[in-house]
Amino acid sequence: MKQIEKILILALISISPFAFGQERERIPGSEIKEIIELAIELPELQQYFHIDEKPSRAPLIIKEFGIVNSKNLDGLKKFGLPIKVINEKTIKEKGIEAYLNIGDWTYVGNTLRLQIDYTVEGITINFMLNRVNGEWKIIDSIILEE
């Protein structure tokens, strides 16, 4: 039941900007790396990377999504290697299966709802983040398996 409540809260927050007539805001590019780093380091997510059994999953690949791009993620590392940000065309051309896909990004005030898919593992991760005193914190997350 608690998982259903989380899903409903995440859904309400994601539609609230539209329901209440708020405009979407842009997160400063300087904060993108901080947010994505929090997401990819989520302790509960680590078990899905299987880096020991599948070393070809390193370096971590993230599909480019607007402001989630190589410029804003420059210097970010996972598994001791710089992450790669690749566009959809390249992912298709190279037949890359193991990559993170930003499914949704809704930012209002100091709150961000972020959804990431890792289709090779059949999971979707929903995050709620808040910026407090200039620092982003994950306030809730849920991993949904297909």
N, C-alpha and C. Protein backbone atom coordinates (compact mmCIF):
# COMPACT_ATOMS: atom_id res chain seq x y z
N MET A 1 0.82 -1.20 0.00
CA MET A 1 0.00 0.00 0.00
C MET A 1 0.87 1.26 0.00
N LYS A 2 1.97 1.21 0.76
CA LYS A 2 2.84 2.38 0.84
C LYS A 2 3.41 2.73 -0.54
N GLN A 3 3.70 1.71 -1.36
CA GLN A 3 4.24 1.95 -2.69
C GLN A 3 3.20 2.65 -3.56
N ILE A 4 1.96 2.30 -3.45
CA ILE A 4 0.89 2.95 -4.21
C ILE A 4 0.76 4.41 -3.80
N GLU A 5 0.87 4.68 -2.50
CA GLU A 5 0.82 6.06 -2.03
C GLU A 5 1.95 6.89 -2.61
N LYS A 6 3.16 6.33 -2.66
CA LYS A 6 4.30 7.03 -3.24
C LYS A 6 4.05 7.35 -4.71
N ILE A 7 3.53 6.37 -5.43
CA ILE A 7 3.27 6.57 -6.86
C ILE A 7 2.24 7.68 -7.05
N LEU A 8 1.19 7.68 -6.24
CA LEU A 8 0.17 8.73 -6.36
C LEU A 8 0.74 10.11 -6.04
N ILE A 9 1.56 10.20 -5.02
CA ILE A 9 2.18 11.49 -4.67
C ILE A 9 3.08 11.96 -5.81
N LEU A 10 3.89 11.06 -6.35
CA LEU A 10 4.77 11.43 -7.46
C LEU A 10 3.95 11.89 -8.67
N ALA A 11 2.86 11.21 -8.95
CA ALA A 11 2.01 11.58 -10.08
C ALA A 11 1.38 12.95 -9.87
N LEU A 12 0.89 13.21 -8.66
CA LEU A 12 0.28 14.51 -8.37
C LEU A 12 1.28 15.65 -8.52
N ILE A 13 2.48 15.43 -8.02
CA ILE A 13 3.49 16.49 -8.13
C ILE A 13 3.85 16.72 -9.59
N SER A 14 3.90 15.65 -10.38
CA SER A 14 4.29 15.82 -11.78
C SER A 14 3.24 16.56 -12.60
N ILE A 15 1.96 16.45 -12.24
CA ILE A 15 0.94 17.17 -13.00
C ILE A 15 0.58 18.51 -12.39
N SER A 16 1.04 18.77 -11.17
CA SER A 16 0.65 20.01 -10.49
C SER A 16 1.03 21.28 -11.24
N PRO A 17 2.17 21.36 -11.94
CA PRO A 17 2.47 22.59 -12.66
C PRO A 17 1.42 22.91 -13.73
N PHE A 18 0.87 21.87 -14.31
CA PHE A 18 -0.13 22.07 -15.36
C PHE A 18 -1.50 22.35 -14.77
N ALA A 19 -1.83 21.63 -13.71
CA ALA A 19 -3.13 21.79 -13.09
C ALA A 19 -3.31 23.15 -12.44
N PHE A 20 -2.22 23.71 -11.93
CA PHE A 20 -2.31 24.97 -11.22
C PHE A 20 -1.75 26.14 -12.01
N GLY A 21 -1.49 25.93 -13.29
CA GLY A 21 -1.09 27.01 -14.17
C GLY A 21 0.31 27.55 -13.94
N GLN A 22 1.17 26.80 -13.28
CA GLN A 22 2.53 27.26 -13.08
C GLN A 22 3.36 27.00 -14.34
N GLU A 23 4.30 27.86 -14.60
CA GLU A 23 5.19 27.65 -15.72
C GLU A 23 6.34 26.75 -15.28
N ARG A 24 6.83 25.97 -16.24
CA ARG A 24 8.01 25.16 -15.96
C ARG A 24 9.22 26.06 -15.84
N GLU A 25 10.06 25.73 -14.91
CA GLU A 25 11.28 26.49 -14.69
C GLU A 25 12.46 25.67 -15.19
N ARG A 26 13.59 26.33 -15.37
CA ARG A 26 14.80 25.65 -15.79
C ARG A 26 15.78 25.58 -14.63
N ILE A 27 16.36 24.41 -14.47
CA ILE A 27 17.40 24.24 -13.46
C ILE A 27 18.70 24.76 -14.05
N PRO A 28 19.45 25.52 -13.28
CA PRO A 28 20.74 25.98 -13.80
C PRO A 28 21.63 24.80 -14.20
N GLY A 29 22.31 24.93 -15.33
CA GLY A 29 23.18 23.86 -15.81
C GLY A 29 24.19 23.40 -14.78
N SER A 30 24.62 24.31 -13.93
CA SER A 30 25.61 23.97 -12.91
C SER A 30 25.09 22.96 -11.89
N GLU A 31 23.77 22.79 -11.80
CA GLU A 31 23.20 21.88 -10.81
C GLU A 31 22.86 20.50 -11.40
N ILE A 32 22.92 20.37 -12.71
CA ILE A 32 22.55 19.12 -13.36
C ILE A 32 23.44 17.96 -12.90
N LYS A 33 24.74 18.20 -12.88
CA LYS A 33 25.68 17.14 -12.49
C LYS A 33 25.40 16.66 -11.06
N GLU A 34 25.12 17.59 -10.17
CA GLU A 34 24.82 17.23 -8.77
C GLU A 34 23.59 16.32 -8.71
N ILE A 35 22.56 16.65 -9.46
CA ILE A 35 21.32 15.88 -9.45
C ILE A 35 21.52 14.48 -10.02
N ILE A 36 22.17 14.40 -11.18
CA ILE A 36 22.39 13.10 -11.82
C ILE A 36 23.31 12.24 -10.97
N GLU A 37 24.30 12.84 -10.34
CA GLU A 37 25.18 12.07 -9.47
C GLU A 37 24.40 11.47 -8.29
N LEU A 38 23.53 12.25 -7.69
CA LEU A 38 22.69 11.71 -6.61
C LEU A 38 21.86 10.53 -7.12
N ALA A 39 21.31 10.67 -8.31
CA ALA A 39 20.46 9.61 -8.87
C ALA A 39 21.25 8.33 -9.13
N ILE A 40 22.39 8.43 -9.81
CA ILE A 40 23.13 7.22 -10.18
C ILE A 40 23.84 6.58 -8.99
N GLU A 41 23.98 7.31 -7.90
CA GLU A 41 24.60 6.75 -6.69
C GLU A 41 23.57 6.24 -5.68
N LEU A 42 22.30 6.29 -6.02
CA LEU A 42 21.26 5.78 -5.12
C LEU A 42 21.61 4.34 -4.71
N PRO A 43 21.78 4.08 -3.42
CA PRO A 43 22.20 2.74 -2.98
C PRO A 43 21.32 1.61 -3.52
N GLU A 44 20.02 1.81 -3.56
CA GLU A 44 19.11 0.76 -4.02
C GLU A 44 19.24 0.46 -5.50
N LEU A 45 19.83 1.36 -6.26
CA LEU A 45 19.99 1.18 -7.70
C LEU A 45 21.21 0.34 -8.06
N GLN A 46 22.19 0.30 -7.19
CA GLN A 46 23.48 -0.32 -7.52
C GLN A 46 23.36 -1.79 -7.92
N GLN A 47 22.44 -2.51 -7.31
CA GLN A 47 22.29 -3.94 -7.61
C GLN A 47 21.88 -4.22 -9.06
N TYR A 48 21.36 -3.22 -9.75
CA TYR A 48 20.88 -3.41 -11.12
C TYR A 48 21.97 -3.19 -12.17
N PHE A 49 23.10 -2.63 -11.79
CA PHE A 49 24.15 -2.39 -12.77
C PHE A 49 24.91 -3.66 -13.14
N HIS A 50 25.05 -4.60 -12.21
CA HIS A 50 25.72 -5.89 -12.45
C HIS A 50 27.08 -5.72 -13.11
N ILE A 51 27.82 -4.73 -12.67
CA ILE A 51 29.09 -4.39 -13.31
C ILE A 51 30.12 -5.52 -13.18
N ASP A 52 30.06 -6.30 -12.11
CA ASP A 52 31.01 -7.40 -11.94
C ASP A 52 30.75 -8.52 -12.95
N GLU A 53 29.47 -8.83 -13.18
CA GLU A 53 29.12 -9.89 -14.12
C GLU A 53 29.11 -9.41 -15.57
N LYS A 54 28.88 -8.11 -15.76
CA LYS A 54 28.75 -7.55 -17.10
C LYS A 54 29.63 -6.30 -17.22
N PRO A 55 30.95 -6.50 -17.30
CA PRO A 55 31.86 -5.35 -17.34
C PRO A 55 31.66 -4.45 -18.56
N SER A 56 30.97 -4.94 -19.59
CA SER A 56 30.71 -4.11 -20.77
C SER A 56 29.76 -2.96 -20.45
N ARG A 57 29.14 -2.98 -19.28
CA ARG A 57 28.25 -1.89 -18.89
C ARG A 57 29.00 -0.67 -18.37
N ALA A 58 30.32 -0.76 -18.35
CA ALA A 58 31.15 0.39 -17.98
C ALA A 58 31.87 0.86 -19.25
N PRO A 59 31.93 2.13 -19.47
CA PRO A 59 31.41 3.22 -18.64
C PRO A 59 29.88 3.31 -18.72
N LEU A 60 29.30 3.93 -17.72
CA LEU A 60 27.86 4.14 -17.70
C LEU A 60 27.48 5.10 -18.83
N ILE A 61 26.41 4.75 -19.53
CA ILE A 61 25.92 5.59 -20.63
C ILE A 61 24.58 6.19 -20.23
N ILE A 62 24.45 7.48 -20.47
CA ILE A 62 23.19 8.19 -20.25
C ILE A 62 22.76 8.77 -21.59
N LYS A 63 21.51 8.54 -21.94
CA LYS A 63 20.97 9.12 -23.18
C LYS A 63 20.74 10.61 -22.99
N GLU A 64 21.25 11.39 -23.92
CA GLU A 64 21.11 12.84 -23.86
C GLU A 64 19.64 13.23 -23.78
N PHE A 65 19.35 14.21 -22.91
CA PHE A 65 17.98 14.66 -22.69
C PHE A 65 18.02 16.15 -22.37
N GLY A 66 17.96 16.99 -23.40
CA GLY A 66 17.95 18.43 -23.18
C GLY A 66 19.15 18.91 -22.41
N ILE A 67 18.91 19.42 -21.20
CA ILE A 67 20.01 19.95 -20.39
C ILE A 67 20.83 18.86 -19.71
N VAL A 68 20.38 17.63 -19.80
CA VAL A 68 21.20 16.50 -19.34
C VAL A 68 22.06 16.12 -20.54
N ASN A 69 23.21 16.78 -20.64
CA ASN A 69 24.07 16.61 -21.81
C ASN A 69 25.54 16.52 -21.37
N SER A 70 26.40 16.25 -22.33
CA SER A 70 27.82 16.04 -21.99
C SER A 70 28.46 17.29 -21.39
N LYS A 71 28.02 18.46 -21.79
CA LYS A 71 28.57 19.70 -21.22
C LYS A 71 28.24 19.79 -19.72
N ASN A 72 26.98 19.56 -19.37
CA ASN A 72 26.56 19.70 -17.98
C ASN A 72 27.00 18.53 -17.09
N LEU A 73 27.37 17.40 -17.71
CA LEU A 73 27.80 16.25 -16.91
C LEU A 73 29.30 16.01 -17.00
N ASP A 74 30.01 16.96 -17.57
CA ASP A 74 31.46 16.84 -17.72
C ASP A 74 32.12 16.58 -16.36
N GLY A 75 32.95 15.55 -16.32
CA GLY A 75 33.68 15.21 -15.09
C GLY A 75 32.96 14.22 -14.19
N LEU A 76 31.71 13.88 -14.49
CA LEU A 76 30.97 12.93 -13.66
C LEU A 76 31.46 11.52 -13.95
N LYS A 77 31.71 10.76 -12.89
CA LYS A 77 32.23 9.39 -13.04
C LYS A 77 31.32 8.38 -12.36
N LYS A 78 31.36 7.18 -12.91
CA LYS A 78 30.68 6.02 -12.31
C LYS A 78 31.55 4.82 -12.64
N PHE A 79 31.74 3.92 -11.71
CA PHE A 79 32.60 2.75 -11.86
C PHE A 79 34.05 3.18 -12.12
N GLY A 80 34.44 4.35 -11.65
CA GLY A 80 35.80 4.85 -11.82
C GLY A 80 36.10 5.39 -13.21
N LEU A 81 35.07 5.49 -14.05
CA LEU A 81 35.25 5.97 -15.42
C LEU A 81 34.31 7.14 -15.68
N PRO A 82 34.71 8.06 -16.55
CA PRO A 82 33.79 9.15 -16.92
C PRO A 82 32.55 8.57 -17.59
N ILE A 83 31.37 9.06 -17.21
CA ILE A 83 30.15 8.60 -17.88
C ILE A 83 30.14 9.13 -19.30
N LYS A 84 29.38 8.46 -20.14
CA LYS A 84 29.22 8.91 -21.52
C LYS A 84 27.78 9.37 -21.71
N VAL A 85 27.61 10.51 -22.34
CA VAL A 85 26.29 11.00 -22.69
C VAL A 85 26.19 10.89 -24.21
N ILE A 86 25.23 10.11 -24.66
CA ILE A 86 25.11 9.80 -26.09
C ILE A 86 23.71 10.11 -26.56
N ASN A 87 23.60 10.61 -27.79
CA ASN A 87 22.27 10.91 -28.33
C ASN A 87 21.57 9.65 -28.81
N GLU A 88 20.26 9.77 -29.01
CA GLU A 88 19.43 8.62 -29.38
C GLU A 88 19.88 7.98 -30.69
N LYS A 89 20.25 8.80 -31.65
CA LYS A 89 20.67 8.28 -32.96
C LYS A 89 21.88 7.35 -32.81
N THR A 90 22.87 7.77 -32.04
CA THR A 90 24.07 6.96 -31.83
C THR A 90 23.74 5.67 -31.08
N ILE A 91 22.86 5.77 -30.09
CA ILE A 91 22.45 4.58 -29.33
C ILE A 91 21.82 3.56 -30.28
N LYS A 92 20.97 4.01 -31.17
CA LYS A 92 20.33 3.10 -32.13
C LYS A 92 21.33 2.54 -33.13
N GLU A 93 22.17 3.41 -33.68
CA GLU A 93 23.16 2.97 -34.67
C GLU A 93 24.11 1.93 -34.12
N LYS A 94 24.53 2.09 -32.87
CA LYS A 94 25.49 1.17 -32.26
C LYS A 94 24.82 0.00 -31.55
N GLY A 95 23.49 0.00 -31.50
CA GLY A 95 22.77 -1.09 -30.85
C GLY A 95 23.03 -1.18 -29.35
N ILE A 96 23.22 -0.04 -28.72
CA ILE A 96 23.50 0.01 -27.28
C ILE A 96 22.22 -0.31 -26.51
N GLU A 97 22.31 -1.27 -25.60
CA GLU A 97 21.14 -1.66 -24.82
C GLU A 97 21.20 -1.18 -23.37
N ALA A 98 22.41 -1.10 -22.82
CA ALA A 98 22.56 -0.73 -21.41
C ALA A 98 22.85 0.76 -21.30
N TYR A 99 21.80 1.54 -21.09
CA TYR A 99 21.94 2.99 -20.90
C TYR A 99 20.80 3.49 -20.05
N LEU A 100 21.02 4.61 -19.39
CA LEU A 100 19.97 5.25 -18.60
C LEU A 100 19.25 6.25 -19.49
N ASN A 101 17.94 6.23 -19.42
CA ASN A 101 17.10 7.12 -20.20
C ASN A 101 16.30 8.01 -19.25
N ILE A 102 16.42 9.31 -19.42
CA ILE A 102 15.62 10.23 -18.61
C ILE A 102 14.22 10.21 -19.19
N GLY A 103 13.26 9.69 -18.41
CA GLY A 103 11.90 9.57 -18.89
C GLY A 103 11.06 10.80 -18.61
N ASP A 104 11.39 11.51 -17.54
CA ASP A 104 10.63 12.70 -17.19
C ASP A 104 11.49 13.57 -16.28
N TRP A 105 11.25 14.87 -16.38
CA TRP A 105 12.02 15.86 -15.61
C TRP A 105 11.06 17.02 -15.37
N THR A 106 10.52 17.14 -14.17
CA THR A 106 9.59 18.21 -13.87
C THR A 106 10.12 19.00 -12.68
N TYR A 107 10.37 20.27 -12.92
CA TYR A 107 11.00 21.13 -11.92
C TYR A 107 10.09 22.31 -11.63
N VAL A 108 9.73 22.46 -10.35
CA VAL A 108 8.91 23.59 -9.91
C VAL A 108 9.45 24.06 -8.56
N GLY A 109 9.78 25.34 -8.50
CA GLY A 109 10.31 25.88 -7.25
C GLY A 109 11.61 25.22 -6.88
N ASN A 110 11.66 24.61 -5.73
CA ASN A 110 12.85 23.88 -5.28
C ASN A 110 12.63 22.38 -5.28
N THR A 111 11.67 21.92 -6.08
CA THR A 111 11.34 20.51 -6.13
C THR A 111 11.53 19.98 -7.55
N LEU A 112 12.10 18.79 -7.64
CA LEU A 112 12.31 18.14 -8.93
C LEU A 112 11.79 16.73 -8.86
N ARG A 113 10.99 16.38 -9.86
CA ARG A 113 10.58 14.99 -10.05
C ARG A 113 11.38 14.49 -11.23
N LEU A 114 12.11 13.41 -11.02
CA LEU A 114 12.97 12.84 -12.03
C LEU A 114 12.61 11.37 -12.21
N GLN A 115 12.49 10.96 -13.46
CA GLN A 115 12.22 9.55 -13.75
C GLN A 115 13.30 9.06 -14.70
N ILE A 116 13.91 7.94 -14.33
CA ILE A 116 14.96 7.34 -15.15
C ILE A 116 14.59 5.90 -15.43
N ASP A 117 14.74 5.50 -16.69
CA ASP A 117 14.51 4.11 -17.09
C ASP A 117 15.85 3.44 -17.36
N TYR A 118 15.94 2.20 -16.93
CA TYR A 118 17.09 1.36 -17.27
C TYR A 118 16.50 0.11 -17.88
N THR A 119 16.14 0.22 -19.14
CA THR A 119 15.34 -0.81 -19.80
C THR A 119 16.04 -2.16 -19.89
N VAL A 120 17.36 -2.17 -19.96
CA VAL A 120 18.07 -3.44 -20.03
C VAL A 120 17.79 -4.29 -18.78
N GLU A 121 17.46 -3.63 -17.68
CA GLU A 121 17.10 -4.33 -16.44
C GLU A 121 15.59 -4.30 -16.17
N GLY A 122 14.84 -3.62 -17.03
CA GLY A 122 13.39 -3.57 -16.86
C GLY A 122 12.93 -2.77 -15.65
N ILE A 123 13.65 -1.68 -15.34
CA ILE A 123 13.26 -0.88 -14.17
C ILE A 123 13.05 0.58 -14.55
N THR A 124 12.21 1.22 -13.76
CA THR A 124 12.02 2.66 -13.80
C THR A 124 12.22 3.17 -12.38
N ILE A 125 13.02 4.23 -12.27
CA ILE A 125 13.30 4.80 -10.96
C ILE A 125 12.68 6.19 -10.91
N ASN A 126 11.82 6.42 -9.94
CA ASN A 126 11.21 7.73 -9.73
C ASN A 126 11.86 8.38 -8.52
N PHE A 127 12.29 9.61 -8.71
CA PHE A 127 12.94 10.36 -7.64
C PHE A 127 12.15 11.63 -7.36
N MET A 128 12.11 12.01 -6.10
CA MET A 128 11.66 13.34 -5.69
C MET A 128 12.86 13.97 -5.00
N LEU A 129 13.25 15.12 -5.50
CA LEU A 129 14.38 15.83 -4.92
C LEU A 129 13.95 17.22 -4.50
N ASN A 130 14.57 17.72 -3.44
CA ASN A 130 14.35 19.09 -2.98
C ASN A 130 15.70 19.79 -2.87
N ARG A 131 15.68 21.07 -3.18
CA ARG A 131 16.88 21.89 -2.98
C ARG A 131 16.68 22.67 -1.68
N VAL A 132 17.57 22.41 -0.74
CA VAL A 132 17.53 23.07 0.56
C VAL A 132 18.89 23.71 0.80
N ASN A 133 18.87 25.01 1.07
CA ASN A 133 20.11 25.75 1.30
C ASN A 133 21.11 25.56 0.16
N GLY A 134 20.58 25.55 -1.07
CA GLY A 134 21.43 25.46 -2.25
C GLY A 134 21.97 24.08 -2.56
N GLU A 135 21.49 23.06 -1.86
CA GLU A 135 21.97 21.70 -2.07
C GLU A 135 20.80 20.77 -2.36
N TRP A 136 20.96 19.92 -3.38
CA TRP A 136 19.91 18.97 -3.74
C TRP A 136 19.98 17.73 -2.86
N LYS A 137 18.80 17.24 -2.46
CA LYS A 137 18.67 16.04 -1.64
C LYS A 137 17.55 15.18 -2.19
N ILE A 138 17.77 13.87 -2.22
CA ILE A 138 16.69 12.96 -2.58
C ILE A 138 15.80 12.82 -1.36
N ILE A 139 14.51 13.17 -1.53
CA ILE A 139 13.60 13.03 -0.40
C ILE A 139 12.79 11.74 -0.49
N ASP A 140 12.71 11.19 -1.70
CA ASP A 140 12.00 9.93 -1.88
C ASP A 140 12.42 9.32 -3.21
N SER A 141 12.40 8.01 -3.26
CA SER A 141 12.67 7.31 -4.51
C SER A 141 11.95 5.97 -4.47
N ILE A 142 11.64 5.50 -5.65
CA ILE A 142 11.00 4.20 -5.75
C ILE A 142 11.47 3.55 -7.06
N ILE A 143 11.79 2.27 -6.97
CA ILE A 143 12.20 1.53 -8.16
C ILE A 143 11.06 0.58 -8.52
N LEU A 144 10.59 0.74 -9.74
CA LEU A 144 9.50 -0.10 -10.23
C LEU A 144 10.07 -1.09 -11.23
N GLU A 145 9.80 -2.38 -11.00
CA GLU A 145 10.27 -3.41 -11.92
C GLU A 145 9.14 -3.85 -12.82
N GLU A 146 9.49 -4.12 -14.07
CA GLU A 146 8.46 -4.59 -15.04
C GLU A 146 8.00 -5.98 -14.69
